[in-house]
Amino acid sequence: MKLTAEEIFTMKLSAELVVVSACETGVGHINSEGVIGLSRSLVAAGVPSVMVSLWSIPDDKTTELMTEFYRNLNSTGDKAQALRQAMLTMIPKSGNPKDWAAFTLIGEAL
């Protein structure tokens, strides 16, 4: 069964954070109402913070970044700072940002 952005838009979700780590999950379609995509649908469904990727990155780099993100999130509780710190940690490991900097946080940081 496939769940679409349109179906998510009409839901009422109670998650504090949704992380969609698949490739290009932050990309949407432009229409007269703006950009419609997974991020907007999740926010409309009540999720205050959504993390998505803007381009394709290697799976191993996604794993490293997500591991650092969740480690930082557990210690700080600040989603934006956790992502920032995870990205800073990736610089010496993989200097090329195209391999790990695709993720962005939309919505609330705390």
C-alpha atoms as a PDB file:
ATOM      1  CA  MET A   1       0.000   0.000   0.000  1.00  0.00           C
ATOM      2  CA  LYS A   2       1.331   3.411  -0.966  1.00  0.00           C
ATOM      3  CA  LEU A   3       0.639   6.515   1.132  1.00  0.00           C
ATOM      4  CA  THR A   4       0.580   9.760  -0.837  1.00  0.00           C
ATOM      5  CA  ALA A   5       1.285  13.363   0.188  1.00  0.00           C
ATOM      6  CA  GLU A   6      -2.366  14.154  -0.493  1.00  0.00           C
ATOM      7  CA  GLU A   7      -3.488  11.451   1.953  1.00  0.00           C
ATOM      8  CA  ILE A   8      -1.021  12.619   4.611  1.00  0.00           C
ATOM      9  CA  PHE A   9      -2.299  16.200   4.190  1.00  0.00           C
ATOM     10  CA  THR A  10      -5.728  15.173   5.512  1.00  0.00           C
ATOM     11  CA  MET A  11      -4.424  13.179   8.491  1.00  0.00           C
ATOM     12  CA  LYS A  12      -4.028  14.312  12.101  1.00  0.00           C
ATOM     13  CA  LEU A  13      -0.582  13.191  13.296  1.00  0.00           C
ATOM     14  CA  SER A  14       0.886  13.608  16.771  1.00  0.00           C
ATOM     15  CA  ALA A  15       4.602  13.043  16.129  1.00  0.00           C
ATOM     16  CA  GLU A  16       7.049  15.715  17.324  1.00  0.00           C
ATOM     17  CA  LEU A  17       9.447  14.981  14.464  1.00  0.00           C
ATOM     18  CA  VAL A  18       9.264  13.058  11.211  1.00  0.00           C
ATOM     19  CA  VAL A  19      12.537  12.246   9.467  1.00  0.00           C
ATOM     20  CA  VAL A  20      12.198  11.073   5.882  1.00  0.00           C
ATOM     21  CA  SER A  21      15.705  10.014   4.911  1.00  0.00           C
ATOM     22  CA  ALA A  22      14.974   8.747   1.418  1.00  0.00           C
ATOM     23  CA  CYS A  23      16.395  10.707  -1.518  1.00  0.00           C
ATOM     24  CA  GLU A  24      14.818  14.020  -2.538  1.00  0.00           C
ATOM     25  CA  THR A  25      11.948  13.831  -0.025  1.00  0.00           C
ATOM     26  CA  GLY A  26      12.004  17.619   0.338  1.00  0.00           C
ATOM     27  CA  VAL A  27      11.274  18.196  -3.332  1.00  0.00           C
ATOM     28  CA  GLY A  28       7.683  19.021  -4.232  1.00  0.00           C
ATOM     29  CA  HIS A  29       5.502  20.108  -7.120  1.00  0.00           C
ATOM     30  CA  ILE A  30       4.773  23.778  -7.756  1.00  0.00           C
ATOM     31  CA  ASN A  31       1.180  24.809  -8.367  1.00  0.00           C
ATOM     32  CA  SER A  32      -0.951  27.924  -7.740  1.00  0.00           C
ATOM     33  CA  GLU A  33      -0.825  27.286  -3.958  1.00  0.00           C
ATOM     34  CA  GLY A  34       2.966  27.023  -3.806  1.00  0.00           C
ATOM     35  CA  VAL A  35       5.134  23.951  -3.385  1.00  0.00           C
ATOM     36  CA  ILE A  36       3.106  20.864  -2.577  1.00  0.00           C
ATOM     37  CA  GLY A  37       5.044  17.913  -1.280  1.00  0.00           C
ATOM     38  CA  LEU A  38       5.651  15.566   1.585  1.00  0.00           C
ATOM     39  CA  SER A  39       7.021  18.289   3.897  1.00  0.00           C
ATOM     40  CA  ARG A  40       4.000  20.542   3.524  1.00  0.00           C
ATOM     41  CA  SER A  41       1.634  17.608   3.926  1.00  0.00           C
ATOM     42  CA  LEU A  42       3.311  16.494   7.165  1.00  0.00           C
ATOM     43  CA  VAL A  43       3.222  20.022   8.618  1.00  0.00           C
ATOM     44  CA  ALA A  44      -0.444  20.376   7.628  1.00  0.00           C
ATOM     45  CA  ALA A  45      -1.138  17.047   9.355  1.00  0.00           C
ATOM     46  CA  GLY A  46       0.186  18.478  12.616  1.00  0.00           C
ATOM     47  CA  VAL A  47       3.868  17.518  12.662  1.00  0.00           C
ATOM     48  CA  PRO A  48       5.813  20.534  14.008  1.00  0.00           C
ATOM     49  CA  SER A  49       9.229  19.415  12.702  1.00  0.00           C
ATOM     50  CA  VAL A  50      10.089  17.591   9.485  1.00  0.00           C
ATOM     51  CA  MET A  51      13.539  16.634   8.221  1.00  0.00           C
ATOM     52  CA  VAL A  52      13.864  15.826   4.527  1.00  0.00           C
ATOM     53  CA  SER A  53      16.558  15.584   1.870  1.00  0.00           C
ATOM     54  CA  LEU A  54      16.864  17.893  -1.115  1.00  0.00           C
ATOM     55  CA  TRP A  55      19.003  15.649  -3.327  1.00  0.00           C
ATOM     56  CA  SER A  56      20.288  12.099  -3.539  1.00  0.00           C
ATOM     57  CA  ILE A  57      23.194  11.173  -1.290  1.00  0.00           C
ATOM     58  CA  PRO A  58      24.998   7.879  -0.690  1.00  0.00           C
ATOM     59  CA  ASP A  59      23.381   5.499   1.805  1.00  0.00           C
ATOM     60  CA  ASP A  60      26.530   5.166   3.901  1.00  0.00           C
ATOM     61  CA  LYS A  61      26.770   8.956   4.348  1.00  0.00           C
ATOM     62  CA  THR A  62      23.058   9.133   5.218  1.00  0.00           C
ATOM     63  CA  THR A  63      23.623   6.477   7.875  1.00  0.00           C
ATOM     64  CA  GLU A  64      26.575   8.362   9.359  1.00  0.00           C
ATOM     65  CA  LEU A  65      24.708  11.675   9.376  1.00  0.00           C
ATOM     66  CA  MET A  66      21.546  10.180  10.898  1.00  0.00           C
ATOM     67  CA  THR A  67      23.541   8.388  13.592  1.00  0.00           C
ATOM     68  CA  GLU A  68      25.197  11.668  14.568  1.00  0.00           C
ATOM     69  CA  PHE A  69      21.884  13.540  14.362  1.00  0.00           C
ATOM     70  CA  TYR A  70      20.072  11.178  16.740  1.00  0.00           C
ATOM     71  CA  ARG A  71      23.048  11.073  19.112  1.00  0.00           C
ATOM     72  CA  ASN A  72      23.031  14.876  19.266  1.00  0.00           C
ATOM     73  CA  LEU A  73      19.247  15.065  19.533  1.00  0.00           C
ATOM     74  CA  ASN A  74      19.298  12.721  22.533  1.00  0.00           C
ATOM     75  CA  SER A  75      21.814  14.916  24.319  1.00  0.00           C
ATOM     76  CA  THR A  76      20.448  18.379  23.423  1.00  0.00           C
ATOM     77  CA  GLY A  77      16.768  18.022  22.550  1.00  0.00           C
ATOM     78  CA  ASP A  78      17.304  20.757  19.948  1.00  0.00           C
ATOM     79  CA  LYS A  79      16.592  19.431  16.450  1.00  0.00           C
ATOM     80  CA  ALA A  80      18.268  22.284  14.565  1.00  0.00           C
ATOM     81  CA  GLN A  81      21.413  22.159  16.713  1.00  0.00           C
ATOM     82  CA  ALA A  82      21.492  18.367  16.449  1.00  0.00           C
ATOM     83  CA  LEU A  83      21.441  18.557  12.645  1.00  0.00           C
ATOM     84  CA  ARG A  84      24.009  21.358  12.569  1.00  0.00           C
ATOM     85  CA  GLN A  85      26.369  19.452  14.854  1.00  0.00           C
ATOM     86  CA  ALA A  86      25.912  16.266  12.814  1.00  0.00           C
ATOM     87  CA  MET A  87      26.861  18.185   9.669  1.00  0.00           C
ATOM     88  CA  LEU A  88      29.904  19.722  11.367  1.00  0.00           C
ATOM     89  CA  THR A  89      30.959  16.224  12.409  1.00  0.00           C
ATOM     90  CA  MET A  90      30.727  15.077   8.787  1.00  0.00           C
ATOM     91  CA  ILE A  91      33.182  17.700   7.473  1.00  0.00           C
ATOM     92  CA  PRO A  92      36.379  15.883   8.498  1.00  0.00           C
ATOM     93  CA  LYS A  93      34.867  12.475   7.646  1.00  0.00           C
ATOM     94  CA  SER A  94      33.702  13.432   4.174  1.00  0.00           C
ATOM     95  CA  GLY A  95      34.757  16.896   3.102  1.00  0.00           C
ATOM     96  CA  ASN A  96      32.413  17.030   0.129  1.00  0.00           C
ATOM     97  CA  PRO A  97      29.058  18.464   1.306  1.00  0.00           C
ATOM     98  CA  LYS A  98      27.216  17.044  -1.698  1.00  0.00           C
ATOM     99  CA  ASP A  99      27.656  13.644  -0.037  1.00  0.00           C
ATOM    100  CA  TRP A 100      25.924  14.561   3.254  1.00  0.00           C
ATOM    101  CA  ALA A 101      24.458  18.096   3.329  1.00  0.00           C
ATOM    102  CA  ALA A 102      21.153  17.337   1.577  1.00  0.00           C
ATOM    103  CA  PHE A 103      19.097  17.305   4.764  1.00  0.00           C
ATOM    104  CA  THR A 104      17.120  20.281   6.008  1.00  0.00           C
ATOM    105  CA  LEU A 105      14.871  20.787   9.003  1.00  0.00           C
ATOM    106  CA  ILE A 106      11.512  22.422   8.402  1.00  0.00           C
ATOM    107  CA  GLY A 107       9.489  23.809  11.276  1.00  0.00           C
ATOM    108  CA  GLU A 108      10.267  23.970  14.980  1.00  0.00           C
ATOM    109  CA  ALA A 109      13.783  23.463  16.331  1.00  0.00           C
ATOM    110  CA  LEU A 110      12.791  22.467  19.857  1.00  0.00           C
END
